[in-house]
Amino acid sequence: MPHRFAHVCLDCRISLKLARYDERGGERGHRCPRCREALVCAGDAFAAPPRRDVDAWRVVGALLAAGVDFRQACCGCGPGYRPRTLREVRERTERARRTGEPLGRALRTPQAARVPMAKVA
């Protein structure tokens, strides 16, 4: 049985466990059963938020758009840190913009650096 990965439709807020590759090793092009748009591979360690939690799905969308997925680490201990709130995503996005750090790396960093406040004269 082929290894299965979570594939998500961000518009419909659904997640399906599907085989990522076909028998010849080619990437499969899965489609959402509701809207027929292309599904995005989220990884084998993805746990979908509840469908009604729109903010959590926005976080998932921001992570996937930045190239951050939810694959198991080689030791099987999970994908590592991922932000859970829009505030955490905003903090790390701002940090990446200010420092020039790649967005994907900033989103995987557990502790966002504090942005110094401007002095008021």
PDB file of N, CA and C in Angstrom:
ATOM      1  N   MET A   1       0.845  -1.177   0.000  1.00  0.00           N
ATOM      2  CA  MET A   1       0.000   0.000   0.000  1.00  0.00           C
ATOM      3  C   MET A   1       0.892   1.243   0.000  1.00  0.00           C
ATOM      4  N   PRO A   2       0.621   2.187  -0.899  1.00  0.00           N
ATOM      5  CA  PRO A   2       1.465   3.375  -0.977  1.00  0.00           C
ATOM      6  C   PRO A   2       1.293   4.275   0.240  1.00  0.00           C
ATOM      7  N   HIS A   3       2.353   5.020   0.522  1.00  0.00           N
ATOM      8  CA  HIS A   3       2.315   5.970   1.639  1.00  0.00           C
ATOM      9  C   HIS A   3       1.302   7.068   1.317  1.00  0.00           C
ATOM     10  N   ARG A   4       0.488   7.436   2.297  1.00  0.00           N
ATOM     11  CA  ARG A   4      -0.580   8.401   2.070  1.00  0.00           C
ATOM     12  C   ARG A   4      -0.256   9.729   2.748  1.00  0.00           C
ATOM     13  N   PHE A   5      -0.598  10.800   2.067  1.00  0.00           N
ATOM     14  CA  PHE A   5      -0.373  12.156   2.540  1.00  0.00           C
ATOM     15  C   PHE A   5      -1.711  12.879   2.623  1.00  0.00           C
ATOM     16  N   ALA A   6      -1.777  13.853   3.511  1.00  0.00           N
ATOM     17  CA  ALA A   6      -2.969  14.698   3.586  1.00  0.00           C
ATOM     18  C   ALA A   6      -2.933  15.679   2.420  1.00  0.00           C
ATOM     19  N   HIS A   7      -4.024  15.753   1.695  1.00  0.00           N
ATOM     20  CA  HIS A   7      -4.210  16.731   0.633  1.00  0.00           C
ATOM     21  C   HIS A   7      -5.382  17.606   1.052  1.00  0.00           C
ATOM     22  N   VAL A   8      -5.226  18.923   0.921  1.00  0.00           N
ATOM     23  CA  VAL A   8      -6.250  19.837   1.415  1.00  0.00           C
ATOM     24  C   VAL A   8      -6.791  20.726   0.306  1.00  0.00           C
ATOM     25  N   CYS A   9      -8.046  21.111   0.478  1.00  0.00           N
ATOM     26  CA  CYS A   9      -8.667  22.154  -0.331  1.00  0.00           C
ATOM     27  C   CYS A   9      -8.926  23.302   0.635  1.00  0.00           C
ATOM     28  N   LEU A  10      -8.222  24.399   0.445  1.00  0.00           N
ATOM     29  CA  LEU A  10      -8.342  25.531   1.357  1.00  0.00           C
ATOM     30  C   LEU A  10      -9.676  26.253   1.196  1.00  0.00           C
ATOM     31  N   ASP A  11     -10.250  26.236  -0.006  1.00  0.00           N
ATOM     32  CA  ASP A  11     -11.541  26.890  -0.223  1.00  0.00           C
ATOM     33  C   ASP A  11     -12.670  26.143   0.491  1.00  0.00           C
ATOM     34  N   CYS A  12     -12.680  24.826   0.388  1.00  0.00           N
ATOM     35  CA  CYS A  12     -13.735  24.003   1.005  1.00  0.00           C
ATOM     36  C   CYS A  12     -13.403  23.623   2.442  1.00  0.00           C
ATOM     37  N   ARG A  13     -12.150  23.830   2.853  1.00  0.00           N
ATOM     38  CA  ARG A  13     -11.655  23.481   4.190  1.00  0.00           C
ATOM     39  C   ARG A  13     -11.863  21.982   4.483  1.00  0.00           C
ATOM     40  N   ILE A  14     -11.348  21.156   3.585  1.00  0.00           N
ATOM     41  CA  ILE A  14     -11.398  19.708   3.795  1.00  0.00           C
ATOM     42  C   ILE A  14     -10.000  19.130   3.619  1.00  0.00           C
ATOM     43  N   SER A  15      -9.791  17.970   4.222  1.00  0.00           N
ATOM     44  CA  SER A  15      -8.525  17.267   4.126  1.00  0.00           C
ATOM     45  C   SER A  15      -8.815  15.804   3.805  1.00  0.00           C
ATOM     46  N   LEU A  16      -8.054  15.248   2.866  1.00  0.00           N
ATOM     47  CA  LEU A  16      -8.205  13.856   2.466  1.00  0.00           C
ATOM     48  C   LEU A  16      -6.847  13.187   2.490  1.00  0.00           C
ATOM     49  N   LYS A  17      -6.772  11.948   2.980  1.00  0.00           N
ATOM     50  CA  LYS A  17      -5.521  11.179   2.943  1.00  0.00           C
ATOM     51  C   LYS A  17      -5.495  10.400   1.628  1.00  0.00           C
ATOM     52  N   LEU A  18      -4.529  10.746   0.773  1.00  0.00           N
ATOM     53  CA  LEU A  18      -4.432  10.140  -0.549  1.00  0.00           C
ATOM     54  C   LEU A  18      -2.981   9.795  -0.855  1.00  0.00           C
ATOM     55  N   ALA A  19      -2.790   8.841  -1.754  1.00  0.00           N
ATOM     56  CA  ALA A  19      -1.444   8.509  -2.202  1.00  0.00           C
ATOM     57  C   ALA A  19      -0.911   9.674  -3.031  1.00  0.00           C
ATOM     58  N   ARG A  20       0.322  10.049  -2.772  1.00  0.00           N
ATOM     59  CA  ARG A  20       0.886  11.206  -3.468  1.00  0.00           C
ATOM     60  C   ARG A  20       1.410  10.840  -4.850  1.00  0.00           C
ATOM     61  N   TYR A  21       1.943   9.642  -5.000  1.00  0.00           N
ATOM     62  CA  TYR A  21       2.557   9.246  -6.264  1.00  0.00           C
ATOM     63  C   TYR A  21       1.817   8.065  -6.872  1.00  0.00           C
ATOM     64  N   ASP A  22       1.842   7.969  -8.198  1.00  0.00           N
ATOM     65  CA  ASP A  22       1.243   6.817  -8.861  1.00  0.00           C
ATOM     66  C   ASP A  22       2.258   5.669  -8.910  1.00  0.00           C
ATOM     67  N   GLU A  23       1.904   4.582  -9.556  1.00  0.00           N
ATOM     68  CA  GLU A  23       2.747   3.374  -9.582  1.00  0.00           C
ATOM     69  C   GLU A  23       4.101   3.619 -10.234  1.00  0.00           C
ATOM     70  N   ARG A  24       4.172   4.565 -11.170  1.00  0.00           N
ATOM     71  CA  ARG A  24       5.424   4.845 -11.873  1.00  0.00           C
ATOM     72  C   ARG A  24       6.261   5.911 -11.162  1.00  0.00           C
ATOM     73  N   GLY A  25       5.790   6.425 -10.033  1.00  0.00           N
ATOM     74  CA  GLY A  25       6.539   7.427  -9.283  1.00  0.00           C
ATOM     75  C   GLY A  25       6.213   8.856  -9.670  1.00  0.00           C
ATOM     76  N   GLY A  26       5.228   9.032 -10.555  1.00  0.00           N
ATOM     77  CA  GLY A  26       4.835  10.380 -10.957  1.00  0.00           C
ATOM     78  C   GLY A  26       3.872  11.006  -9.953  1.00  0.00           C
ATOM     79  N   GLU A  27       3.900  12.312  -9.873  1.00  0.00           N
ATOM     80  CA  GLU A  27       3.021  13.051  -8.970  1.00  0.00           C
ATOM     81  C   GLU A  27       1.578  12.945  -9.470  1.00  0.00           C
ATOM     82  N   ARG A  28       0.679  12.616  -8.553  1.00  0.00           N
ATOM     83  CA  ARG A  28      -0.736  12.544  -8.916  1.00  0.00           C
ATOM     84  C   ARG A  28      -1.349  13.936  -8.827  1.00  0.00           C
ATOM     85  N   GLY A  29      -2.317  14.201  -9.673  1.00  0.00           N
ATOM     86  CA  GLY A  29      -3.021  15.483  -9.660  1.00  0.00           C
ATOM     87  C   GLY A  29      -4.408  15.294  -9.063  1.00  0.00           C
ATOM     88  N   HIS A  30      -4.513  15.296  -7.743  1.00  0.00           N
ATOM     89  CA  HIS A  30      -5.799  15.083  -7.084  1.00  0.00           C
ATOM     90  C   HIS A  30      -6.654  16.343  -7.149  1.00  0.00           C
ATOM     91  N   ARG A  31      -7.960  16.145  -7.234  1.00  0.00           N
ATOM     92  CA  ARG A  31      -8.923  17.244  -7.283  1.00  0.00           C
ATOM     93  C   ARG A  31      -9.878  17.146  -6.106  1.00  0.00           C
ATOM     94  N   CYS A  32     -10.368  18.310  -5.653  1.00  0.00           N
ATOM     95  CA  CYS A  32     -11.326  18.362  -4.556  1.00  0.00           C
ATOM     96  C   CYS A  32     -12.647  17.746  -5.022  1.00  0.00           C
ATOM     97  N   PRO A  33     -13.240  16.870  -4.214  1.00  0.00           N
ATOM     98  CA  PRO A  33     -14.515  16.263  -4.618  1.00  0.00           C
ATOM     99  C   PRO A  33     -15.676  17.256  -4.594  1.00  0.00           C
ATOM    100  N   ARG A  34     -15.506  18.393  -3.928  1.00  0.00           N
ATOM    101  CA  ARG A  34     -16.585  19.390  -3.863  1.00  0.00           C
ATOM    102  C   ARG A  34     -16.501  20.405  -4.981  1.00  0.00           C
ATOM    103  N   CYS A  35     -15.352  21.080  -5.086  1.00  0.00           N
ATOM    104  CA  CYS A  35     -15.235  22.190  -6.035  1.00  0.00           C
ATOM    105  C   CYS A  35     -14.415  21.859  -7.278  1.00  0.00           C
ATOM    106  N   ARG A  36     -13.779  20.707  -7.306  1.00  0.00           N
ATOM    107  CA  ARG A  36     -12.969  20.210  -8.424  1.00  0.00           C
ATOM    108  C   ARG A  36     -11.670  20.999  -8.644  1.00  0.00           C
ATOM    109  N   GLU A  37     -11.287  21.852  -7.687  1.00  0.00           N
ATOM    110  CA  GLU A  37      -9.997  22.545  -7.771  1.00  0.00           C
ATOM    111  C   GLU A  37      -8.893  21.577  -7.352  1.00  0.00           C
ATOM    112  N   ALA A  38      -7.658  21.895  -7.716  1.00  0.00           N
ATOM    113  CA  ALA A  38      -6.512  21.046  -7.372  1.00  0.00           C
ATOM    114  C   ALA A  38      -6.286  21.055  -5.859  1.00  0.00           C
ATOM    115  N   LEU A  39      -6.008  19.877  -5.299  1.00  0.00           N
ATOM    116  CA  LEU A  39      -5.693  19.758  -3.878  1.00  0.00           C
ATOM    117  C   LEU A  39      -4.212  20.046  -3.655  1.00  0.00           C
ATOM    118  N   VAL A  40      -3.881  20.555  -2.483  1.00  0.00           N
ATOM    119  CA  VAL A  40      -2.498  20.865  -2.106  1.00  0.00           C
ATOM    120  C   VAL A  40      -2.028  19.789  -1.133  1.00  0.00           C
ATOM    121  N   CYS A  41      -0.848  19.230  -1.388  1.00  0.00           N
ATOM    122  CA  CYS A  41      -0.301  18.220  -0.486  1.00  0.00           C
ATOM    123  C   CYS A  41       0.230  18.909   0.765  1.00  0.00           C
ATOM    124  N   ALA A  42      -0.309  18.525   1.931  1.00  0.00           N
ATOM    125  CA  ALA A  42       0.082  19.146   3.197  1.00  0.00           C
ATOM    126  C   ALA A  42       1.084  18.301   3.968  1.00  0.00           C
ATOM    127  N   GLY A  43       1.271  17.044   3.610  1.00  0.00           N
ATOM    128  CA  GLY A  43       2.231  16.192   4.300  1.00  0.00           C
ATOM    129  C   GLY A  43       1.562  15.057   5.042  1.00  0.00           C
ATOM    130  N   ASP A  44       2.378  14.150   5.569  1.00  0.00           N
ATOM    131  CA  ASP A  44       1.839  12.957   6.227  1.00  0.00           C
ATOM    132  C   ASP A  44       1.526  13.182   7.700  1.00  0.00           C
ATOM    133  N   ALA A  45       1.944  14.309   8.293  1.00  0.00           N
ATOM    134  CA  ALA A  45       1.689  14.564   9.715  1.00  0.00           C
ATOM    135  C   ALA A  45       0.692  15.709   9.913  1.00  0.00           C
ATOM    136  N   PHE A  46      -0.101  16.012   8.887  1.00  0.00           N
ATOM    137  CA  PHE A  46      -1.060  17.116   8.966  1.00  0.00           C
ATOM    138  C   PHE A  46      -2.305  16.692   9.733  1.00  0.00           C
ATOM    139  N   ALA A  47      -2.700  17.529  10.679  1.00  0.00           N
ATOM    140  CA  ALA A  47      -3.950  17.333  11.417  1.00  0.00           C
ATOM    141  C   ALA A  47      -4.855  18.514  11.084  1.00  0.00           C
ATOM    142  N   ALA A  48      -5.921  18.249  10.378  1.00  0.00           N
ATOM    143  CA  ALA A  48      -6.803  19.314   9.904  1.00  0.00           C
ATOM    144  C   ALA A  48      -7.559  19.962  11.061  1.00  0.00           C
ATOM    145  N   PRO A  49      -7.660  21.290  11.038  1.00  0.00           N
ATOM    146  CA  PRO A  49      -8.489  21.968  12.042  1.00  0.00           C
ATOM    147  C   PRO A  49      -9.967  21.731  11.726  1.00  0.00           C
ATOM    148  N   PRO A  50     -10.857  22.025  12.671  1.00  0.00           N
ATOM    149  CA  PRO A  50     -12.285  21.890  12.376  1.00  0.00           C
ATOM    150  C   PRO A  50     -12.677  22.778  11.194  1.00  0.00           C
ATOM    151  N   ARG A  51     -13.610  22.319  10.416  1.00  0.00           N
ATOM    152  CA  ARG A  51     -14.020  23.036   9.211  1.00  0.00           C
ATOM    153  C   ARG A  51     -14.539  24.441   9.526  1.00  0.00           C
ATOM    154  N   ARG A  52     -15.173  24.611  10.654  1.00  0.00           N
ATOM    155  CA  ARG A  52     -15.751  25.913  11.013  1.00  0.00           C
ATOM    156  C   ARG A  52     -14.713  26.908  11.527  1.00  0.00           C
ATOM    157  N   ASP A  53     -13.480  26.460  11.805  1.00  0.00           N
ATOM    158  CA  ASP A  53     -12.423  27.329  12.322  1.00  0.00           C
ATOM    159  C   ASP A  53     -11.706  28.010  11.155  1.00  0.00           C
ATOM    160  N   VAL A  54     -12.283  29.089  10.673  1.00  0.00           N
ATOM    161  CA  VAL A  54     -11.780  29.783   9.484  1.00  0.00           C
ATOM    162  C   VAL A  54     -10.372  30.330   9.719  1.00  0.00           C
ATOM    163  N   ASP A  55     -10.111  30.888  10.898  1.00  0.00           N
ATOM    164  CA  ASP A  55      -8.784  31.445  11.174  1.00  0.00           C
ATOM    165  C   ASP A  55      -7.696  30.373  11.136  1.00  0.00           C
ATOM    166  N   ALA A  56      -7.978  29.206  11.674  1.00  0.00           N
ATOM    167  CA  ALA A  56      -6.990  28.116  11.642  1.00  0.00           C
ATOM    168  C   ALA A  56      -6.706  27.693  10.203  1.00  0.00           C
ATOM    169  N   TRP A  57      -7.721  27.670   9.360  1.00  0.00           N
ATOM    170  CA  TRP A  57      -7.513  27.329   7.952  1.00  0.00           C
ATOM    171  C   TRP A  57      -6.740  28.430   7.236  1.00  0.00           C
ATOM    172  N   ARG A  58      -6.884  29.681   7.653  1.00  0.00           N
ATOM    173  CA  ARG A  58      -6.084  30.769   7.075  1.00  0.00           C
ATOM    174  C   ARG A  58      -4.618  30.588   7.448  1.00  0.00           C
ATOM    175  N   VAL A  59      -4.350  30.131   8.666  1.00  0.00           N
ATOM    176  CA  VAL A  59      -2.972  29.837   9.086  1.00  0.00           C
ATOM    177  C   VAL A  59      -2.401  28.717   8.220  1.00  0.00           C
ATOM    178  N   VAL A  60      -3.178  27.657   8.023  1.00  0.00           N
ATOM    179  CA  VAL A  60      -2.733  26.540   7.176  1.00  0.00           C
ATOM    180  C   VAL A  60      -2.426  27.049   5.766  1.00  0.00           C
ATOM    181  N   GLY A  61      -3.290  27.891   5.225  1.00  0.00           N
ATOM    182  CA  GLY A  61      -3.069  28.447   3.894  1.00  0.00           C
ATOM    183  C   GLY A  61      -1.793  29.272   3.812  1.00  0.00           C
ATOM    184  N   ALA A  62      -1.525  30.078   4.838  1.00  0.00           N
ATOM    185  CA  ALA A  62      -0.303  30.887   4.865  1.00  0.00           C
ATOM    186  C   ALA A  62       0.939  30.004   4.918  1.00  0.00           C
ATOM    187  N   LEU A  63       0.883  28.934   5.715  1.00  0.00           N
ATOM    188  CA  LEU A  63       2.020  28.018   5.811  1.00  0.00           C
ATOM    189  C   LEU A  63       2.278  27.314   4.485  1.00  0.00           C
ATOM    190  N   LEU A  64       1.224  26.778   3.876  1.00  0.00           N
ATOM    191  CA  LEU A  64       1.393  26.061   2.612  1.00  0.00           C
ATOM    192  C   LEU A  64       1.849  27.001   1.495  1.00  0.00           C
ATOM    193  N   ALA A  65       1.359  28.235   1.490  1.00  0.00           N
ATOM    194  CA  ALA A  65       1.778  29.207   0.477  1.00  0.00           C
ATOM    195  C   ALA A  65       3.259  29.558   0.614  1.00  0.00           C
ATOM    196  N   ALA A  66       3.779  29.506   1.845  1.00  0.00           N
ATOM    197  CA  ALA A  66       5.197  29.796   2.087  1.00  0.00           C
ATOM    198  C   ALA A  66       6.079  28.571   1.874  1.00  0.00           C
ATOM    199  N   GLY A  67       5.476  27.452   1.501  1.00  0.00           N
ATOM    200  CA  GLY A  67       6.260  26.237   1.262  1.00  0.00           C
ATOM    201  C   GLY A  67       6.511  25.403   2.494  1.00  0.00           C
ATOM    202  N   VAL A  68       5.813  25.689   3.578  1.00  0.00           N
ATOM    203  CA  VAL A  68       5.971  24.931   4.820  1.00  0.00           C
ATOM    204  C   VAL A  68       4.906  23.850   4.847  1.00  0.00           C
ATOM    205  N   ASP A  69       5.332  22.592   4.919  1.00  0.00           N
ATOM    206  CA  ASP A  69       4.365  21.500   4.966  1.00  0.00           C
ATOM    207  C   ASP A  69       4.431  20.794   6.322  1.00  0.00           C
ATOM    208  N   PHE A  70       3.738  19.697   6.432  1.00  0.00           N
ATOM    209  CA  PHE A  70       3.604  18.982   7.704  1.00  0.00           C
ATOM    210  C   PHE A  70       4.092  17.541   7.541  1.00  0.00           C
ATOM    211  N   ARG A  71       5.351  17.380   7.164  1.00  0.00           N
ATOM    212  CA  ARG A  71       5.921  16.041   7.011  1.00  0.00           C
ATOM    213  C   ARG A  71       6.576  15.605   8.308  1.00  0.00           C
ATOM    214  N   GLN A  72       6.557  14.296   8.542  1.00  0.00           N
ATOM    215  CA  GLN A  72       7.233  13.720   9.708  1.00  0.00           C
ATOM    216  C   GLN A  72       8.729  13.967   9.593  1.00  0.00           C
ATOM    217  N   ALA A  73       9.360  14.240  10.713  1.00  0.00           N
ATOM    218  CA  ALA A  73      10.821  14.295  10.742  1.00  0.00           C
ATOM    219  C   ALA A  73      11.342  12.867  10.589  1.00  0.00           C
ATOM    220  N   CYS A  74      12.603  12.720  10.277  1.00  0.00           N
ATOM    221  CA  CYS A  74      13.160  11.389  10.035  1.00  0.00           C
ATOM    222  C   CYS A  74      13.057  10.475  11.253  1.00  0.00           C
ATOM    223  N   CYS A  75      12.983  11.070  12.452  1.00  0.00           N
ATOM    224  CA  CYS A  75      12.894  10.254  13.662  1.00  0.00           C
ATOM    225  C   CYS A  75      11.442   9.911  14.014  1.00  0.00           C
ATOM    226  N   GLY A  76      10.487  10.389  13.222  1.00  0.00           N
ATOM    227  CA  GLY A  76       9.084  10.087  13.488  1.00  0.00           C
ATOM    228  C   GLY A  76       8.467  10.904  14.602  1.00  0.00           C
ATOM    229  N   CYS A  77       9.103  12.040  14.939  1.00  0.00           N
ATOM    230  CA  CYS A  77       8.619  12.838  16.069  1.00  0.00           C
ATOM    231  C   CYS A  77       7.714  13.987  15.650  1.00  0.00           C
ATOM    232  N   GLY A  78       7.234  13.983  14.437  1.00  0.00           N
ATOM    233  CA  GLY A  78       6.326  15.027  13.986  1.00  0.00           C
ATOM    234  C   GLY A  78       7.023  16.072  13.139  1.00  0.00           C
ATOM    235  N   PRO A  79       6.270  17.045  12.643  1.00  0.00           N
ATOM    236  CA  PRO A  79       6.830  18.015  11.703  1.00  0.00           C
ATOM    237  C   PRO A  79       7.594  19.160  12.360  1.00  0.00           C
ATOM    238  N   GLY A  80       7.585  19.254  13.676  1.00  0.00           N
ATOM    239  CA  GLY A  80       8.238  20.371  14.347  1.00  0.00           C
ATOM    240  C   GLY A  80       7.264  21.511  14.584  1.00  0.00           C
ATOM    241  N   TYR A  81       7.813  22.656  14.975  1.00  0.00           N
ATOM    242  CA  TYR A  81       6.961  23.800  15.310  1.00  0.00           C
ATOM    243  C   TYR A  81       6.262  24.358  14.072  1.00  0.00           C
ATOM    244  N   ARG A  82       4.992  24.685  14.226  1.00  0.00           N
ATOM    245  CA  ARG A  82       4.214  25.411  13.231  1.00  0.00           C
ATOM    246  C   ARG A  82       3.333  26.411  13.986  1.00  0.00           C
ATOM    247  N   PRO A  83       3.203  27.657  13.497  1.00  0.00           N
ATOM    248  CA  PRO A  83       2.337  28.619  14.174  1.00  0.00           C
ATOM    249  C   PRO A  83       0.885  28.141  14.165  1.00  0.00           C
ATOM    250  N   ARG A  84       0.153  28.488  15.215  1.00  0.00           N
ATOM    251  CA  ARG A  84      -1.239  28.057  15.324  1.00  0.00           C
ATOM    252  C   ARG A  84      -2.236  29.203  15.219  1.00  0.00           C
ATOM    253  N   THR A  85      -1.774  30.448  15.340  1.00  0.00           N
ATOM    254  CA  THR A  85      -2.681  31.590  15.291  1.00  0.00           C
ATOM    255  C   THR A  85      -2.233  32.569  14.210  1.00  0.00           C
ATOM    256  N   LEU A  86      -3.179  33.395  13.779  1.00  0.00           N
ATOM    257  CA  LEU A  86      -2.850  34.420  12.790  1.00  0.00           C
ATOM    258  C   LEU A  86      -1.854  35.430  13.355  1.00  0.00           C
ATOM    259  N   ARG A  87      -1.924  35.688  14.652  1.00  0.00           N
ATOM    260  CA  ARG A  87      -0.977  36.604  15.280  1.00  0.00           C
ATOM    261  C   ARG A  87       0.445  36.072  15.155  1.00  0.00           C
ATOM    262  N   GLU A  88       0.642  34.793  15.428  1.00  0.00           N
ATOM    263  CA  GLU A  88       1.973  34.198  15.290  1.00  0.00           C
ATOM    264  C   GLU A  88       2.466  34.276  13.851  1.00  0.00           C
ATOM    265  N   VAL A  89       1.577  34.053  12.894  1.00  0.00           N
ATOM    266  CA  VAL A  89       1.956  34.150  11.481  1.00  0.00           C
ATOM    267  C   VAL A  89       2.360  35.583  11.155  1.00  0.00           C
ATOM    268  N   ARG A  90       1.580  36.557  11.610  1.00  0.00           N
ATOM    269  CA  ARG A  90       1.900  37.969  11.353  1.00  0.00           C
ATOM    270  C   ARG A  90       3.243  38.352  11.965  1.00  0.00           C
ATOM    271  N   GLU A  91       3.501  37.931  13.217  1.00  0.00           N
ATOM    272  CA  GLU A  91       4.766  38.258  13.873  1.00  0.00           C
ATOM    273  C   GLU A  91       5.946  37.703  13.089  1.00  0.00           C
ATOM    274  N   ARG A  92       5.854  36.477  12.665  1.00  0.00           N
ATOM    275  CA  ARG A  92       6.959  35.846  11.946  1.00  0.00           C
ATOM    276  C   ARG A  92       7.109  36.401  10.529  1.00  0.00           C
ATOM    277  N   THR A  93       5.999  36.770   9.903  1.00  0.00           N
ATOM    278  CA  THR A  93       6.063  37.384   8.574  1.00  0.00           C
ATOM    279  C   THR A  93       6.743  38.746   8.665  1.00  0.00           C
ATOM    280  N   GLU A  94       6.400  39.520   9.682  1.00  0.00           N
ATOM    281  CA  GLU A  94       7.032  40.830   9.891  1.00  0.00           C
ATOM    282  C   GLU A  94       8.521  40.662  10.163  1.00  0.00           C
ATOM    283  N   ARG A  95       8.871  39.685  10.973  1.00  0.00           N
ATOM    284  CA  ARG A  95      10.283  39.427  11.271  1.00  0.00           C
ATOM    285  C   ARG A  95      11.046  39.062  10.001  1.00  0.00           C
ATOM    286  N   ALA A  96      10.447  38.220   9.161  1.00  0.00           N
ATOM    287  CA  ALA A  96      11.102  37.828   7.909  1.00  0.00           C
ATOM    288  C   ALA A  96      11.285  39.043   6.999  1.00  0.00           C
ATOM    289  N   ARG A  97      10.290  39.901   6.956  1.00  0.00           N
ATOM    290  CA  ARG A  97      10.377  41.094   6.117  1.00  0.00           C
ATOM    291  C   ARG A  97      11.485  42.026   6.613  1.00  0.00           C
ATOM    292  N   ARG A  98      11.569  42.222   7.926  1.00  0.00           N
ATOM    293  CA  ARG A  98      12.562  43.137   8.500  1.00  0.00           C
ATOM    294  C   ARG A  98      13.985  42.600   8.407  1.00  0.00           C
ATOM    295  N   THR A  99      14.170  41.313   8.611  1.00  0.00           N
ATOM    296  CA  THR A  99      15.521  40.753   8.687  1.00  0.00           C
ATOM    297  C   THR A  99      16.011  40.161   7.369  1.00  0.00           C
ATOM    298  N   GLY A 100      15.113  39.937   6.433  1.00  0.00           N
ATOM    299  CA  GLY A 100      15.512  39.299   5.181  1.00  0.00           C
ATOM    300  C   GLY A 100      15.581  37.787   5.278  1.00  0.00           C
ATOM    301  N   GLU A 101      15.169  37.248   6.416  1.00  0.00           N
ATOM    302  CA  GLU A 101      15.144  35.799   6.597  1.00  0.00           C
ATOM    303  C   GLU A 101      14.075  35.194   5.686  1.00  0.00           C
ATOM    304  N   PRO A 102      14.317  34.030   5.084  1.00  0.00           N
ATOM    305  CA  PRO A 102      13.283  33.403   4.263  1.00  0.00           C
ATOM    306  C   PRO A 102      12.004  33.159   5.074  1.00  0.00           C
ATOM    307  N   LEU A 103      10.864  33.418   4.455  1.00  0.00           N
ATOM    308  CA  LEU A 103       9.589  33.314   5.153  1.00  0.00           C
ATOM    309  C   LEU A 103       9.346  31.908   5.688  1.00  0.00           C
ATOM    310  N   GLY A 104       9.671  30.884   4.916  1.00  0.00           N
ATOM    311  CA  GLY A 104       9.469  29.510   5.374  1.00  0.00           C
ATOM    312  C   GLY A 104      10.240  29.209   6.642  1.00  0.00           C
ATOM    313  N   ARG A 105      11.483  29.684   6.733  1.00  0.00           N
ATOM    314  CA  ARG A 105      12.287  29.460   7.934  1.00  0.00           C
ATOM    315  C   ARG A 105      11.716  30.249   9.119  1.00  0.00           C
ATOM    316  N   ALA A 106      11.285  31.483   8.876  1.00  0.00           N
ATOM    317  CA  ALA A 106      10.722  32.302   9.954  1.00  0.00           C
ATOM    318  C   ALA A 106       9.449  31.666  10.509  1.00  0.00           C
ATOM    319  N   LEU A 107       8.641  31.071   9.651  1.00  0.00           N
ATOM    320  CA  LEU A 107       7.407  30.438  10.111  1.00  0.00           C
ATOM    321  C   LEU A 107       7.672  29.168  10.910  1.00  0.00           C
ATOM    322  N   ARG A 108       8.811  28.531  10.688  1.00  0.00           N
ATOM    323  CA  ARG A 108       9.149  27.310  11.432  1.00  0.00           C
ATOM    324  C   ARG A 108       9.900  27.593  12.727  1.00  0.00           C
ATOM    325  N   THR A 109      10.230  28.871  12.994  1.00  0.00           N
ATOM    326  CA  THR A 109      10.974  29.245  14.188  1.00  0.00           C
ATOM    327  C   THR A 109      10.016  29.374  15.367  1.00  0.00           C
ATOM    328  N   PRO A 110      10.269  28.650  16.469  1.00  0.00           N
ATOM    329  CA  PRO A 110       9.336  28.684  17.602  1.00  0.00           C
ATOM    330  C   PRO A 110       9.190  30.044  18.263  1.00  0.00           C
ATOM    331  N   GLN A 111      10.250  30.798  18.406  1.00  0.00           N
ATOM    332  CA  GLN A 111      10.174  32.056  19.138  1.00  0.00           C
ATOM    333  C   GLN A 111      10.427  33.209  18.181  1.00  0.00           C
ATOM    334  N   ALA A 112       9.430  34.062  18.008  1.00  0.00           N
ATOM    335  CA  ALA A 112       9.610  35.228  17.151  1.00  0.00           C
ATOM    336  C   ALA A 112      10.426  36.267  17.900  1.00  0.00           C
ATOM    337  N   ALA A 113      11.365  36.873  17.181  1.00  0.00           N
ATOM    338  CA  ALA A 113      12.175  37.920  17.793  1.00  0.00           C
ATOM    339  C   ALA A 113      11.299  39.142  18.048  1.00  0.00           C
ATOM    340  N   ARG A 114      11.529  39.791  19.151  1.00  0.00           N
ATOM    341  CA  ARG A 114      10.767  40.993  19.488  1.00  0.00           C
ATOM    342  C   ARG A 114      11.183  42.132  18.556  1.00  0.00           C
ATOM    343  N   VAL A 115      10.205  42.830  18.038  1.00  0.00           N
ATOM    344  CA  VAL A 115      10.467  43.980  17.184  1.00  0.00           C
ATOM    345  C   VAL A 115      10.612  45.193  18.085  1.00  0.00           C
ATOM    346  N   PRO A 116      11.771  45.864  18.068  1.00  0.00           N
ATOM    347  CA  PRO A 116      11.953  47.005  18.965  1.00  0.00           C
ATOM    348  C   PRO A 116      10.978  48.133  18.614  1.00  0.00           C
ATOM    349  N   MET A 117      10.482  48.767  19.647  1.00  0.00           N
ATOM    350  CA  MET A 117       9.558  49.879  19.472  1.00  0.00           C
ATOM    351  C   MET A 117      10.341  51.134  19.123  1.00  0.00           C
ATOM    352  N   ALA A 118       9.760  51.994  18.283  1.00  0.00           N
ATOM    353  CA  ALA A 118      10.407  53.253  17.933  1.00  0.00           C
ATOM    354  C   ALA A 118      10.352  54.192  19.122  1.00  0.00           C
ATOM    355  N   LYS A 119      11.423  54.948  19.324  1.00  0.00           N
ATOM    356  CA  LYS A 119      11.464  55.898  20.441  1.00  0.00           C
ATOM    357  C   LYS A 119      10.607  57.113  20.113  1.00  0.00           C
ATOM    358  N   VAL A 120       9.886  57.561  21.106  1.00  0.00           N
ATOM    359  CA  VAL A 120       9.066  58.761  20.949  1.00  0.00           C
ATOM    360  C   VAL A 120       9.853  59.939  21.498  1.00  0.00           C
ATOM    361  N   ALA A 121      10.027  60.976  20.692  1.00  0.00           N
ATOM    362  CA  ALA A 121      10.827  62.132  21.131  1.00  0.00           C
ATOM    363  C   ALA A 121      10.026  63.095  21.961  1.00  0.00           C
TER     364      ALA A 121
END
